[in-house]
Amino acid sequence: MDLEFTWDEKKAEQNWRKHGVSFQEAKSVFDDPLCQTYPDPGHSTSEERVTVGYSDADRLIMVSHSHRGLYARITNARLPTRKERLDYERFDRE
C-alpha cells in the first residue's frame, strides 16, 4: 500500500525549528520495514497514531500522524527520548 503524505507547511517549518526534523525526512520512516505504529490515546481516541522507525537519513524518528484512506497527515516529528529509543530497540529484538 502506497501512502500519500500531507502536512501543513507552517507546522512543518515550526517542527523543523523546534525538533530539527523535516516532515520530508519523517515520511521516509514509513519505508522502514521495522517501523512500529501505535495508537496515541493522549491526543485522540480514534485516529492519531505514532510511528517509530529509521528515516532515510538513518535517524530514529517518532512521527505523529493521522490517516484518511490512502493519505497520512503528518502533524509532528521528533527524535525519541532515551526511554522511547530503548523501548523501540527492546521491541525490535523480541
N, C-alpha and C. Protein backbone atom coordinates (compact mmCIF):
# COMPACT_ATOMS: atom_id res chain seq x y z
N MET A 1 0.85 -1.17 0.00
CA MET A 1 0.00 0.00 0.00
C MET A 1 0.89 1.24 0.00
N ASP A 2 0.71 2.10 -0.97
CA ASP A 2 1.45 3.34 -1.05
C ASP A 2 0.64 4.46 -0.43
N LEU A 3 1.21 5.10 0.57
CA LEU A 3 0.55 6.23 1.21
C LEU A 3 0.96 7.53 0.54
N GLU A 4 0.05 8.45 0.48
CA GLU A 4 0.34 9.83 0.09
C GLU A 4 0.44 10.62 1.38
N PHE A 5 1.38 11.54 1.45
CA PHE A 5 1.60 12.31 2.67
C PHE A 5 1.22 13.76 2.47
N THR A 6 0.60 14.33 3.50
CA THR A 6 0.25 15.74 3.50
C THR A 6 0.68 16.33 4.84
N TRP A 7 0.82 17.64 4.87
CA TRP A 7 1.09 18.35 6.11
C TRP A 7 0.88 19.83 5.89
N ASP A 8 0.76 20.54 6.97
CA ASP A 8 0.64 21.98 6.96
C ASP A 8 2.05 22.57 6.88
N GLU A 9 2.30 23.40 5.88
CA GLU A 9 3.66 23.94 5.68
C GLU A 9 4.14 24.79 6.86
N LYS A 10 3.23 25.57 7.45
CA LYS A 10 3.61 26.39 8.60
C LYS A 10 4.01 25.50 9.77
N LYS A 11 3.22 24.45 10.01
CA LYS A 11 3.53 23.50 11.08
C LYS A 11 4.85 22.79 10.79
N ALA A 12 5.10 22.46 9.55
CA ALA A 12 6.35 21.79 9.17
C ALA A 12 7.56 22.67 9.48
N GLU A 13 7.45 23.96 9.19
CA GLU A 13 8.54 24.89 9.48
C GLU A 13 8.76 25.02 10.98
N GLN A 14 7.67 25.11 11.74
CA GLN A 14 7.79 25.18 13.21
C GLN A 14 8.43 23.91 13.76
N ASN A 15 8.04 22.78 13.21
CA ASN A 15 8.59 21.50 13.66
C ASN A 15 10.08 21.43 13.38
N TRP A 16 10.51 21.90 12.21
CA TRP A 16 11.93 21.91 11.85
C TRP A 16 12.73 22.76 12.84
N ARG A 17 12.20 23.95 13.15
CA ARG A 17 12.91 24.83 14.09
C ARG A 17 12.96 24.24 15.50
N LYS A 18 11.89 23.62 15.93
CA LYS A 18 11.82 23.10 17.30
C LYS A 18 12.56 21.77 17.47
N HIS A 19 12.39 20.85 16.51
CA HIS A 19 12.90 19.49 16.67
C HIS A 19 14.04 19.11 15.73
N GLY A 20 14.31 19.94 14.71
CA GLY A 20 15.37 19.62 13.77
C GLY A 20 15.06 18.44 12.87
N VAL A 21 13.75 18.17 12.66
CA VAL A 21 13.32 17.07 11.80
C VAL A 21 12.33 17.63 10.78
N SER A 22 12.62 17.45 9.51
CA SER A 22 11.69 17.90 8.47
C SER A 22 10.61 16.84 8.27
N PHE A 23 9.46 17.27 7.84
CA PHE A 23 8.39 16.32 7.54
C PHE A 23 8.76 15.48 6.31
N GLN A 24 9.56 16.04 5.43
CA GLN A 24 10.04 15.27 4.27
C GLN A 24 10.86 14.07 4.74
N GLU A 25 11.77 14.28 5.68
CA GLU A 25 12.52 13.16 6.24
C GLU A 25 11.60 12.23 7.02
N ALA A 26 10.67 12.80 7.77
CA ALA A 26 9.76 11.99 8.59
C ALA A 26 8.96 11.00 7.76
N LYS A 27 8.54 11.39 6.57
CA LYS A 27 7.73 10.47 5.77
C LYS A 27 8.53 9.24 5.34
N SER A 28 9.86 9.34 5.30
CA SER A 28 10.67 8.19 4.91
C SER A 28 10.66 7.09 5.99
N VAL A 29 10.26 7.42 7.21
CA VAL A 29 10.15 6.42 8.28
C VAL A 29 9.19 5.30 7.88
N PHE A 30 8.18 5.62 7.10
CA PHE A 30 7.18 4.64 6.71
C PHE A 30 7.74 3.60 5.73
N ASP A 31 8.91 3.86 5.16
CA ASP A 31 9.57 2.89 4.29
C ASP A 31 10.43 1.90 5.07
N ASP A 32 10.63 2.15 6.35
CA ASP A 32 11.41 1.26 7.20
C ASP A 32 10.60 -0.01 7.46
N PRO A 33 11.09 -1.18 7.01
CA PRO A 33 10.31 -2.40 7.22
C PRO A 33 10.14 -2.78 8.70
N LEU A 34 10.93 -2.20 9.57
CA LEU A 34 10.82 -2.49 11.01
C LEU A 34 10.14 -1.37 11.79
N CYS A 35 9.53 -0.40 11.08
CA CYS A 35 8.84 0.67 11.79
C CYS A 35 7.66 0.09 12.58
N GLN A 36 7.33 0.75 13.65
CA GLN A 36 6.24 0.31 14.53
C GLN A 36 5.24 1.45 14.67
N THR A 37 3.96 1.13 14.58
CA THR A 37 2.91 2.14 14.71
C THR A 37 2.04 1.81 15.92
N TYR A 38 1.77 2.85 16.70
CA TYR A 38 0.99 2.72 17.93
C TYR A 38 -0.15 3.73 17.92
N PRO A 39 -1.25 3.41 18.62
CA PRO A 39 -2.27 4.45 18.81
C PRO A 39 -1.71 5.51 19.77
N ASP A 40 -2.24 6.69 19.71
CA ASP A 40 -1.82 7.77 20.59
C ASP A 40 -3.04 8.32 21.33
N PRO A 41 -3.52 7.58 22.34
CA PRO A 41 -4.76 7.99 23.02
C PRO A 41 -4.64 9.32 23.76
N GLY A 42 -3.43 9.78 24.01
CA GLY A 42 -3.24 11.07 24.66
C GLY A 42 -3.69 12.23 23.79
N HIS A 43 -3.77 12.01 22.49
CA HIS A 43 -4.18 13.07 21.57
C HIS A 43 -5.50 12.80 20.88
N SER A 44 -5.84 11.54 20.68
CA SER A 44 -7.10 11.20 20.02
C SER A 44 -7.41 9.73 20.27
N THR A 45 -8.64 9.44 20.57
CA THR A 45 -9.02 8.04 20.81
C THR A 45 -9.37 7.32 19.52
N SER A 46 -9.52 8.05 18.43
CA SER A 46 -9.98 7.40 17.21
C SER A 46 -8.99 7.37 16.06
N GLU A 47 -8.05 8.32 16.00
CA GLU A 47 -7.26 8.30 14.77
C GLU A 47 -5.80 8.66 14.91
N GLU A 48 -5.41 9.41 15.89
CA GLU A 48 -3.99 9.83 15.97
C GLU A 48 -3.10 8.62 16.23
N ARG A 49 -2.00 8.57 15.53
CA ARG A 49 -1.06 7.46 15.66
C ARG A 49 0.36 7.99 15.74
N VAL A 50 1.24 7.15 16.27
CA VAL A 50 2.67 7.46 16.30
C VAL A 50 3.39 6.30 15.64
N THR A 51 4.25 6.61 14.69
CA THR A 51 5.07 5.60 14.04
C THR A 51 6.53 5.91 14.37
N VAL A 52 7.25 4.86 14.76
CA VAL A 52 8.65 4.98 15.12
C VAL A 52 9.46 4.12 14.16
N GLY A 53 10.49 4.69 13.59
CA GLY A 53 11.35 3.93 12.70
C GLY A 53 12.51 4.78 12.22
N TYR A 54 13.34 4.16 11.41
CA TYR A 54 14.52 4.84 10.89
C TYR A 54 14.18 5.56 9.59
N SER A 55 14.66 6.79 9.48
CA SER A 55 14.46 7.59 8.28
C SER A 55 15.50 7.22 7.24
N ASP A 56 15.38 7.79 6.06
CA ASP A 56 16.38 7.54 5.02
C ASP A 56 17.72 8.19 5.37
N ALA A 57 17.75 9.05 6.39
CA ALA A 57 19.00 9.63 6.89
C ALA A 57 19.54 8.80 8.06
N ASP A 58 18.98 7.64 8.28
CA ASP A 58 19.41 6.69 9.32
C ASP A 58 19.29 7.27 10.73
N ARG A 59 18.21 8.03 10.96
CA ARG A 59 17.91 8.54 12.29
C ARG A 59 16.60 7.93 12.76
N LEU A 60 16.55 7.52 14.02
CA LEU A 60 15.31 7.02 14.60
C LEU A 60 14.42 8.22 14.89
N ILE A 61 13.19 8.19 14.35
CA ILE A 61 12.28 9.33 14.44
C ILE A 61 10.91 8.86 14.88
N MET A 62 10.26 9.67 15.71
CA MET A 62 8.88 9.47 16.13
C MET A 62 8.01 10.40 15.27
N VAL A 63 7.03 9.84 14.58
CA VAL A 63 6.18 10.63 13.69
C VAL A 63 4.74 10.52 14.15
N SER A 64 4.12 11.64 14.50
CA SER A 64 2.69 11.68 14.82
C SER A 64 1.94 11.96 13.54
N HIS A 65 0.86 11.22 13.33
CA HIS A 65 0.11 11.35 12.07
C HIS A 65 -1.31 10.85 12.25
N SER A 66 -2.13 11.19 11.29
CA SER A 66 -3.49 10.66 11.22
C SER A 66 -3.70 10.15 9.80
N HIS A 67 -4.69 9.30 9.63
CA HIS A 67 -4.95 8.70 8.32
C HIS A 67 -6.34 9.05 7.82
N ARG A 68 -6.42 9.24 6.53
CA ARG A 68 -7.67 9.41 5.80
C ARG A 68 -7.53 8.60 4.52
N GLY A 69 -7.98 7.36 4.57
CA GLY A 69 -7.84 6.49 3.40
C GLY A 69 -6.38 6.24 3.10
N LEU A 70 -5.95 6.57 1.89
CA LEU A 70 -4.56 6.37 1.49
C LEU A 70 -3.69 7.58 1.81
N TYR A 71 -4.23 8.55 2.56
CA TYR A 71 -3.48 9.74 2.91
C TYR A 71 -3.09 9.71 4.38
N ALA A 72 -1.85 10.07 4.65
CA ALA A 72 -1.36 10.22 6.02
C ALA A 72 -0.98 11.69 6.20
N ARG A 73 -1.55 12.31 7.22
CA ARG A 73 -1.23 13.71 7.52
C ARG A 73 -0.26 13.75 8.69
N ILE A 74 0.96 14.21 8.43
CA ILE A 74 1.99 14.31 9.46
C ILE A 74 1.74 15.59 10.26
N THR A 75 1.72 15.44 11.59
CA THR A 75 1.46 16.58 12.46
C THR A 75 2.66 16.92 13.35
N ASN A 76 3.59 15.98 13.53
CA ASN A 76 4.75 16.23 14.38
C ASN A 76 5.80 15.16 14.06
N ALA A 77 7.06 15.52 14.21
CA ALA A 77 8.16 14.56 14.04
C ALA A 77 9.31 15.02 14.91
N ARG A 78 9.89 14.06 15.64
CA ARG A 78 10.97 14.41 16.55
C ARG A 78 11.83 13.19 16.80
N LEU A 79 13.00 13.42 17.38
CA LEU A 79 13.85 12.33 17.82
C LEU A 79 13.26 11.76 19.11
N PRO A 80 13.41 10.46 19.33
CA PRO A 80 12.83 9.86 20.54
C PRO A 80 13.63 10.22 21.79
N THR A 81 12.97 10.12 22.92
CA THR A 81 13.68 10.25 24.19
C THR A 81 14.52 8.99 24.37
N ARG A 82 15.39 9.01 25.36
CA ARG A 82 16.21 7.83 25.64
C ARG A 82 15.32 6.62 25.94
N LYS A 83 14.28 6.80 26.74
CA LYS A 83 13.37 5.71 27.07
C LYS A 83 12.65 5.19 25.83
N GLU A 84 12.18 6.08 24.98
CA GLU A 84 11.49 5.67 23.75
C GLU A 84 12.43 4.88 22.85
N ARG A 85 13.67 5.31 22.75
CA ARG A 85 14.66 4.59 21.94
C ARG A 85 14.89 3.19 22.51
N LEU A 86 15.05 3.09 23.82
CA LEU A 86 15.26 1.78 24.45
C LEU A 86 14.05 0.88 24.26
N ASP A 87 12.84 1.42 24.37
CA ASP A 87 11.61 0.64 24.14
C ASP A 87 11.58 0.11 22.71
N TYR A 88 11.91 0.96 21.74
CA TYR A 88 11.93 0.55 20.34
C TYR A 88 12.96 -0.56 20.13
N GLU A 89 14.16 -0.38 20.66
CA GLU A 89 15.22 -1.36 20.46
C GLU A 89 14.90 -2.67 21.16
N ARG A 90 14.27 -2.61 22.31
CA ARG A 90 13.88 -3.82 23.03
C ARG A 90 12.82 -4.59 22.23
N PHE A 91 11.85 -3.87 21.70
CA PHE A 91 10.79 -4.49 20.90
C PHE A 91 11.38 -5.11 19.63
N ASP A 92 12.34 -4.42 19.02
CA ASP A 92 12.96 -4.86 17.78
C ASP A 92 13.66 -6.21 17.94
N ARG A 93 14.16 -6.50 19.14
CA ARG A 93 14.89 -7.74 19.37
C ARG A 93 13.99 -8.89 19.77
N GLU A 94 12.76 -8.62 20.12
CA GLU A 94 11.87 -9.71 20.57
C GLU A 94 11.37 -10.56 19.43
